[in-house]
Amino acid sequence: MAHDVFVSYASEDKTVADAVVATLEQQGIRCWVAPRDVIPGHGFGEDVVAAIHSSQIVVLLLSAHANGSATVMRELERAVNDGLSILPLRLEDVTPSGELTYYLSDAHWLDAITPPLEQHVRRLADTIRLLLLRAEEEVAPGPVVAASGRPGGFVRAHLRWVVAAVALLVILVVAAGVLLTRGDGGGQADSRETGNQADGVAEEADGSATTRDPFVSGAVEGTGYGDDPALDALYDRCDEGDPVACDDLYLDAPIDSEYESFGSTCGNRQPALHGGCEAEEAGHYGDDPALDGLYDRCQTGDMTACDTLYYEAPIDSEYEEFAVTCGNREIPSNGGGYCEEEGAG
């Protein structure tokens, strides 16, 4: 049977696993689960390995039993080796064991501790559908959309702040170097002239030192289009309208280069966004089919969809603004992601 998801669980949790699989399949998510899908006459381990290899996502039902299950550990190890996404659904308030923590270090968590289970599985189905859709978009020709959890939109939208912080740190270091140079006295000016220029300090005619700010001085020589094949490829994709390529170009380019300027402005289409092209591009209803689906369900009163939309939406986007208000409904302000908990509607 063709499937999208492999469900990993401890045998003691079979009843819960069957309920999770039934709800996911009602939501259109194709699952593989043992022992239901083991082919009679085949080796159990052989079928499990083949099923994991042909999956796109592994859903782990995390419980105290799963925490100590050797079978679960082997399944997760195989999933990691195959490069699959692991999506843990926590059934109990447990902390993963040391080995389990290794496999789940980059995983996006979902909780199903409080009843009813079905509403948590519906949120799980929303997340799976979003990951599957974006995986298809990454394979298809054209712009690549990163998976979020808050996947790519969340991370990339924040990277511009990281870059800005690094830029400020560099400026402070340069300024500190100038002050130390001045404190060494004027008698050694001739012997330090070459070093000063290399550090961004030039001697004026009157002997005073001025700092050359690398963030203001103009394009750095040797960092324009044609100088780096990898950056040229990102430049071309950015020029064709791929916002993710523009953000990658901005982040990978040398500071103050032609590459950086082109990536920062989303291919000369926007004011300098400093790595926020993807968030700007996919910020409105109609820009992302998966987010549009969550938006529609949120609008009709599905509070689980509102919370999922909030976590998946790009920062400061129309999607996020709609989700944080639970579909423009009057709710207590908790910063988003609490629609279901607050029972808005």
Foldseek 3Di string as FASTA:
>chain_A
DQFAEEEFEFPVCVVVVVVLQVLLVVVVHGYDYPPVPPDPPDDPVVVLLVRLLRYQEYEYADDPRLLPDPVSLVSLVSNVVSVHAYEYEYQDPDDHDPSVCVSCVPHQYFYQPDDDNSLSSVLVSLLSVQVVVLVVQCPDPAARDFRDLLYPLAVLLCVLVVVVVVLVVLVVVLVVVLVVVVVVDQPCCVVCQVVCVVSQWHADPVRHIDGHRLQPNAADPQQAQPNDVVLVVLLVSLLVPHLQSLLVQLVPGDHRHNSNCCSQQSNVVHPRNRRNSVLVQQQEQPRDVSLVVLLVVLLVPSLSSLLSQLSNHRPPGPSNVCSQCSNVFDFPRPPGNCCVVRVTD
